Amino acid sequence: MIWIDLAPLANLTCKIASSSATVCRSPDVSNIAELEQIIEVHAAMVRRIASAYERHPDRVDDLAQDVWIAVWQALPRLNDPSTLKSYIARITQNICVTHIRRALLRQTQPLTGALPDRAPPIDEATAHAAQLTRLIEAVRNLPDNLKAVATLYLEEMPIKEIAIALGISESNASVRLHRAKSALRLSFGDPS
């Protein structure tokens, strides 16, 4: 569960029509319940995207809070309410990329590209957890342009929505996704 202080977000008024569609109007000081609903519906997606960029859970929480503040500020500019999910995903991607760039400027130690040890799993649940950990590490090691497409694809977004979220053409999104999949296959030892 993410704790988000909603006091600074008290100016948002949106009506949720479904899990991925929202109708927004001018901010109204009286109601934050609708923002809480948006956060409840999309919080898991925001955390998964942020986790692809940041390893530390506390920093993921900080990124999520930054995302929700940015979403609150950007919702009045949302033109097509049916694209709320991709709108939030794009905001999340942008904030995460900015976070990484700032961290790289502050970092003094060189990065290592080593994946975690592939120790044999004890049971099926452990095997699944280990595979998921390897996938997350492999996605983290992708170049930023491929990482963005891969994280949204793992959120089960169609190519069209990925293209909208990243502000690129559908064909460019398809090419990046193909390259990301190829890179991930190589990191898992599958040359095909």
Foldseek 3Di string as FASTA:
>chain_A
DADEDCVVLQFFDWDDPDLQFIHGAGTDNHDDVVLVSNCVSCVVLLLLLLCLLDVDPVVSSVLSNVLSVVCSVCVNVDDGRNLRNLQSLLSSLVSSVVVNVVVVVVDDDDDDLDADDPDDADDDVRVVVNVVSRLSSLLSNDPSVLSSLVSVVVVVDDLVSSCVSNVHDSVVSVVSPVVSVCSSCVSVPNND
